[in-house]
Amino acid sequence: MKGIALIGMPCSGKSTISKVVASRLGYGLLDVDEWIVAHEHEPIAETIKNKGVDYVLGLDEQCVRDHDLRNLVVSTPGCA
């Protein structure tokens, strides 16, 4: 019942690899970048520009806290 978190630099392939890992393990997938974009209705770069890095880091934390991470592959953001 453990989850897996993928971390890395921006554009390192976390989102791509997380989809494959989740599919092979039969786990759910949480792409934090995608969650932030859906939450803010704009690209992350725009959110950082408009509201600051600290705001986006708070969204990262909120996203992870709002989800049950068991049996979940989490693709963490590399933006901030």
Protein backbone atom coordinates (compact mmCIF):
# COMPACT_ATOMS: atom_id res chain seq x y z
CA MET A 1 0.00 0.00 0.00
CA LYS A 2 2.96 2.30 -0.46
CA GLY A 3 3.12 5.08 -2.98
CA ILE A 4 5.95 6.12 -5.24
CA ALA A 5 7.14 9.69 -5.76
CA LEU A 6 9.26 10.68 -8.72
CA ILE A 7 11.47 13.72 -8.25
CA GLY A 8 13.87 15.42 -10.60
CA MET A 9 14.81 18.48 -12.57
CA PRO A 10 12.34 20.17 -14.93
CA CYS A 11 11.92 18.30 -18.23
CA SER A 12 13.68 15.20 -16.89
CA GLY A 13 10.79 12.88 -17.79
CA LYS A 14 8.97 12.54 -14.45
CA SER A 15 5.50 12.90 -15.98
CA THR A 16 6.24 10.45 -18.79
CA ILE A 17 7.84 7.83 -16.54
CA SER A 18 5.16 8.18 -13.86
CA LYS A 19 2.45 7.22 -16.39
CA VAL A 20 4.33 4.06 -17.32
CA VAL A 21 5.06 3.09 -13.71
CA ALA A 22 1.45 3.71 -12.61
CA SER A 23 0.12 1.66 -15.51
CA ARG A 24 2.45 -1.28 -14.92
CA LEU A 25 1.76 -1.38 -11.18
CA GLY A 26 -1.96 -0.72 -11.45
CA TYR A 27 -1.54 2.37 -9.27
CA GLY A 28 -3.28 5.70 -9.58
CA LEU A 29 -1.40 8.70 -10.90
CA LEU A 30 -1.06 12.18 -9.46
CA ASP A 31 0.85 14.65 -11.61
CA VAL A 32 1.24 17.67 -9.35
CA ASP A 33 2.04 19.95 -12.29
CA GLU A 34 -1.23 18.97 -14.00
CA TRP A 35 -3.12 19.45 -10.73
CA ILE A 36 -1.73 22.98 -10.32
CA VAL A 37 -2.61 23.92 -13.91
CA ALA A 38 -6.17 22.62 -13.41
CA HIS A 39 -6.45 24.39 -10.05
CA GLU A 40 -5.16 27.75 -11.31
CA HIS A 41 -6.53 27.59 -14.88
CA GLU A 42 -3.23 28.79 -16.31
CA PRO A 43 0.28 27.46 -17.00
CA ILE A 44 2.51 27.15 -13.95
CA ALA A 45 4.93 29.74 -15.32
CA GLU A 46 2.08 32.27 -15.36
CA THR A 47 1.08 31.39 -11.80
CA ILE A 48 4.67 31.89 -10.65
CA LYS A 49 4.84 35.20 -12.51
CA ASN A 50 1.50 36.42 -11.15
CA LYS A 51 1.53 35.02 -7.61
CA GLY A 52 5.11 34.03 -6.85
CA VAL A 53 7.09 30.87 -6.20
CA ASP A 54 6.00 30.64 -2.56
CA TYR A 55 2.36 30.51 -3.66
CA VAL A 56 3.12 27.65 -6.06
CA LEU A 57 5.07 25.79 -3.37
CA GLY A 58 2.00 26.12 -1.14
CA LEU A 59 -0.11 24.59 -3.92
CA ASP A 60 2.36 21.69 -4.15
CA GLU A 61 1.89 21.05 -0.45
CA GLN A 62 -1.89 21.41 -0.65
CA CYS A 63 -2.08 18.93 -3.53
CA VAL A 64 -0.09 16.26 -1.70
CA ARG A 65 -2.01 16.78 1.56
CA ASP A 66 -5.37 16.51 -0.25
CA HIS A 67 -4.64 13.06 -1.71
CA ASP A 68 -4.36 9.59 -0.25
CA LEU A 69 -0.88 8.65 -1.45
CA ARG A 70 -1.25 4.91 -0.98
CA ASN A 71 -1.06 2.97 -4.24
CA LEU A 72 -0.36 6.21 -6.07
CA VAL A 73 2.51 7.33 -8.28
CA VAL A 74 3.22 11.01 -7.72
CA SER A 75 5.02 13.08 -10.31
CA THR A 76 6.39 16.01 -8.34
CA PRO A 77 6.91 19.43 -9.92
CA GLY A 78 10.28 20.57 -11.09
CA CYS A 79 9.25 24.17 -11.58
CA ALA A 80 10.19 25.89 -8.38
